[in-house]
Amino acid sequence: MGLQFLAMGDRTLAEIWSDHQRVTLCSAILSSLWAPVIYFPLNRLWEMTRTLEKS
């Protein structure tokens, strides 16, 4: 994607790299915030299914 932006010629390599770093950081932060929201309900569901299998 960076090469495509570079080929289009509307951004310099430094701007593309800066944008890439910012997007990567934002993605990591959002992933770390969403992980508990998804993990806890799924973990509870898995525990319930294990309990049902043992019964």
C-alpha atoms as a PDB file:
ATOM      1  CA  MET A   1       0.000   0.000   0.000  1.00  0.00           C
ATOM      2  CA  GLY A   2       2.871   2.299   0.793  1.00  0.00           C
ATOM      3  CA  LEU A   3       4.375   1.560  -2.603  1.00  0.00           C
ATOM      4  CA  GLN A   4       1.070   2.438  -4.235  1.00  0.00           C
ATOM      5  CA  PHE A   5       0.966   5.775  -2.444  1.00  0.00           C
ATOM      6  CA  LEU A   6       4.565   6.391  -3.455  1.00  0.00           C
ATOM      7  CA  ALA A   7       3.788   5.486  -7.086  1.00  0.00           C
ATOM      8  CA  MET A   8       0.845   7.890  -7.136  1.00  0.00           C
ATOM      9  CA  GLY A   9       3.298  10.620  -6.243  1.00  0.00           C
ATOM     10  CA  ASP A  10       1.056  12.665  -3.975  1.00  0.00           C
ATOM     11  CA  ARG A  11       3.051  11.823  -0.809  1.00  0.00           C
ATOM     12  CA  THR A  12       6.699  11.557   0.063  1.00  0.00           C
ATOM     13  CA  LEU A  13       8.167   8.411   1.529  1.00  0.00           C
ATOM     14  CA  ALA A  14       8.592  10.173   4.888  1.00  0.00           C
ATOM     15  CA  GLU A  15       4.887  11.120   4.966  1.00  0.00           C
ATOM     16  CA  ILE A  16       3.850   7.586   4.059  1.00  0.00           C
ATOM     17  CA  TRP A  17       6.089   6.137   6.790  1.00  0.00           C
ATOM     18  CA  SER A  18       4.753   8.619   9.352  1.00  0.00           C
ATOM     19  CA  ASP A  19       1.156   7.773   8.451  1.00  0.00           C
ATOM     20  CA  HIS A  20       1.943   4.053   8.610  1.00  0.00           C
ATOM     21  CA  GLN A  21       3.416   4.397  12.102  1.00  0.00           C
ATOM     22  CA  ARG A  22       0.389   6.353  13.310  1.00  0.00           C
ATOM     23  CA  VAL A  23      -2.075   3.845  11.847  1.00  0.00           C
ATOM     24  CA  THR A  24      -0.121   0.930  13.349  1.00  0.00           C
ATOM     25  CA  LEU A  25      -0.100   2.540  16.791  1.00  0.00           C
ATOM     26  CA  CYS A  26      -3.825   3.320  16.642  1.00  0.00           C
ATOM     27  CA  SER A  27      -4.566  -0.221  15.520  1.00  0.00           C
ATOM     28  CA  ALA A  28      -2.552  -1.693  18.399  1.00  0.00           C
ATOM     29  CA  ILE A  29      -4.303   0.542  20.929  1.00  0.00           C
ATOM     30  CA  LEU A  30      -7.761  -0.293  19.613  1.00  0.00           C
ATOM     31  CA  SER A  31      -6.957  -4.010  19.553  1.00  0.00           C
ATOM     32  CA  SER A  32      -5.777  -3.920  23.141  1.00  0.00           C
ATOM     33  CA  LEU A  33      -8.953  -2.120  24.192  1.00  0.00           C
ATOM     34  CA  TRP A  34     -11.281  -4.500  22.351  1.00  0.00           C
ATOM     35  CA  ALA A  35      -9.537  -7.699  23.468  1.00  0.00           C
ATOM     36  CA  PRO A  36     -11.080  -7.809  26.981  1.00  0.00           C
ATOM     37  CA  VAL A  37     -14.521  -6.942  25.596  1.00  0.00           C
ATOM     38  CA  ILE A  38     -14.389  -9.984  23.346  1.00  0.00           C
ATOM     39  CA  TYR A  39     -12.382 -12.300  25.603  1.00  0.00           C
ATOM     40  CA  PHE A  40     -14.556 -12.250  28.739  1.00  0.00           C
ATOM     41  CA  PRO A  41     -17.903 -13.176  27.116  1.00  0.00           C
ATOM     42  CA  LEU A  42     -16.224 -15.854  24.998  1.00  0.00           C
ATOM     43  CA  ASN A  43     -14.363 -17.250  27.980  1.00  0.00           C
ATOM     44  CA  ARG A  44     -17.610 -17.416  29.944  1.00  0.00           C
ATOM     45  CA  LEU A  45     -19.309 -19.180  27.050  1.00  0.00           C
ATOM     46  CA  TRP A  46     -16.452 -21.700  26.788  1.00  0.00           C
ATOM     47  CA  GLU A  47     -16.641 -22.387  30.533  1.00  0.00           C
ATOM     48  CA  MET A  48     -20.395 -22.942  30.284  1.00  0.00           C
ATOM     49  CA  THR A  49     -19.983 -25.373  27.384  1.00  0.00           C
ATOM     50  CA  ARG A  50     -17.285 -27.291  29.276  1.00  0.00           C
ATOM     51  CA  THR A  51     -19.583 -27.510  32.289  1.00  0.00           C
ATOM     52  CA  LEU A  52     -22.408 -28.811  30.091  1.00  0.00           C
ATOM     53  CA  GLU A  53     -20.110 -31.411  28.499  1.00  0.00           C
ATOM     54  CA  LYS A  54     -19.084 -32.716  31.943  1.00  0.00           C
ATOM     55  CA  SER A  55     -22.723 -33.101  33.041  1.00  0.00           C
END
